Amino acid sequence: LHADLAQLYARMDRWDLVERELDLALSREPSPERSAALHFFAGDAAERASAPERAITHYLAAASGGYHPAESLLAAERIAQRIGEREHRVKILQ
C-alpha cells in the first residue's frame, strides 16, 4: 500500500511524500532484499526533496543491503561531495 502511494506521489512530483511513504513501507518490510530496494528509491526521493543527508543515509543502506551497491555508493558519494559532508564520505570509502 505505501509503495503504491509513493508511486502516485512520484507522478505528482511530491518527493517529500514519496519519501514518507517509502519510510512507512520500510518500517513494515520483512525482506532484507526488498528493504534495500526501498532504501534506494527513498534515497532518490530524499535527494529530489532537497534532503541530502537523508538521501545519503538511504543510499548507504541500499548499498549495504546489496541493492545496486556500486550505483548506490556513487550516488551517496556524489551527494556528499556536493554538500561537503566529510563524515559520510569517509563511511562511503570504508
Protein backbone atom coordinates (compact mmCIF):
# COMPACT_ATOMS: atom_id res chain seq x y z
CA LEU A 1 0.00 0.00 0.00
CA HIS A 2 2.71 2.52 0.98
CA ALA A 3 4.83 1.73 -2.07
CA ASP A 4 1.76 2.23 -4.26
CA LEU A 5 1.08 5.60 -2.65
CA ALA A 6 4.72 6.52 -3.17
CA GLN A 7 4.34 5.84 -6.90
CA LEU A 8 1.26 8.04 -7.02
CA TYR A 9 3.05 10.88 -5.23
CA ALA A 10 6.05 10.48 -7.55
CA ARG A 11 3.79 11.11 -10.54
CA MET A 12 2.73 14.32 -8.79
CA ASP A 13 6.38 15.32 -8.06
CA ARG A 14 5.68 15.29 -4.32
CA TRP A 15 9.04 13.86 -3.32
CA ASP A 16 8.65 14.63 0.38
CA LEU A 17 5.52 12.45 0.41
CA VAL A 18 7.23 9.77 -1.67
CA GLU A 19 9.99 9.52 0.92
CA ARG A 20 7.48 9.45 3.78
CA GLU A 21 5.52 6.59 2.22
CA LEU A 22 8.68 4.65 1.44
CA ASP A 23 9.83 5.11 5.04
CA LEU A 24 6.49 3.68 6.18
CA ALA A 25 6.90 0.78 3.76
CA LEU A 26 10.41 0.19 5.12
CA SER A 27 9.12 0.01 8.68
CA ARG A 28 6.86 -2.89 7.70
CA GLU A 29 9.09 -4.72 5.21
CA PRO A 30 10.45 -8.06 6.47
CA SER A 31 12.55 -8.86 3.39
CA PRO A 32 16.14 -7.53 3.53
CA GLU A 33 16.35 -7.53 -0.27
CA ARG A 34 13.16 -5.52 -0.70
CA SER A 35 14.22 -3.19 2.12
CA ALA A 36 17.45 -2.45 0.29
CA ALA A 37 15.50 -1.62 -2.87
CA LEU A 38 13.12 0.61 -0.93
CA HIS A 39 16.11 2.43 0.58
CA PHE A 40 17.46 3.08 -2.90
CA PHE A 41 14.18 4.60 -4.06
CA ALA A 42 13.85 6.55 -0.80
CA GLY A 43 17.34 7.93 -1.41
CA ASP A 44 16.27 9.18 -4.80
CA ALA A 45 13.12 10.72 -3.32
CA ALA A 46 15.04 12.38 -0.49
CA GLU A 47 17.53 13.84 -2.93
CA ARG A 48 14.70 15.22 -5.07
CA ALA A 49 13.05 16.60 -1.90
CA SER A 50 16.26 18.54 -1.11
CA ALA A 51 17.16 16.37 1.87
CA PRO A 52 20.73 15.32 1.00
CA GLU A 53 21.67 13.90 4.41
CA ARG A 54 18.66 11.57 4.39
CA ALA A 55 19.40 10.65 0.78
CA ILE A 56 22.94 9.63 1.70
CA THR A 57 21.67 7.52 4.61
CA HIS A 58 19.19 5.72 2.35
CA TYR A 59 21.75 5.12 -0.40
CA LEU A 60 24.24 3.69 2.09
CA ALA A 61 21.56 1.36 3.46
CA ALA A 62 20.71 0.26 -0.08
CA ALA A 63 24.38 -0.48 -0.79
CA SER A 64 24.88 -2.42 2.44
CA GLY A 65 21.73 -4.40 1.65
CA GLY A 66 23.13 -5.34 -1.74
CA TYR A 67 20.81 -3.31 -3.97
CA HIS A 68 22.95 -1.96 -6.84
CA PRO A 69 25.84 -1.35 -4.44
CA ALA A 70 28.10 0.47 -6.89
CA GLU A 71 25.33 2.78 -8.10
CA SER A 72 24.13 3.38 -4.53
CA LEU A 73 27.62 4.25 -3.28
CA LEU A 74 28.27 6.52 -6.24
CA ALA A 75 25.01 8.37 -5.59
CA ALA A 76 25.88 8.79 -1.90
CA GLU A 77 29.40 9.97 -2.76
CA ARG A 78 28.11 12.44 -5.36
CA ILE A 79 25.74 13.99 -2.83
CA ALA A 80 28.30 14.01 -0.02
CA GLN A 81 30.83 15.69 -2.26
CA ARG A 82 28.29 18.30 -3.35
CA ILE A 83 27.34 19.26 0.21
CA GLY A 84 30.85 18.82 1.63
CA GLU A 85 29.80 16.10 4.08
CA ARG A 86 33.15 14.68 5.16
CA GLU A 87 31.75 12.16 7.69
CA HIS A 88 29.58 10.46 5.06
CA ARG A 89 32.41 10.46 2.53
CA VAL A 90 34.60 8.55 4.97
CA LYS A 91 31.81 5.99 5.56
CA ILE A 92 31.42 5.52 1.82
CA LEU A 93 35.12 4.94 1.32
CA GLN A 94 35.20 2.31 4.05
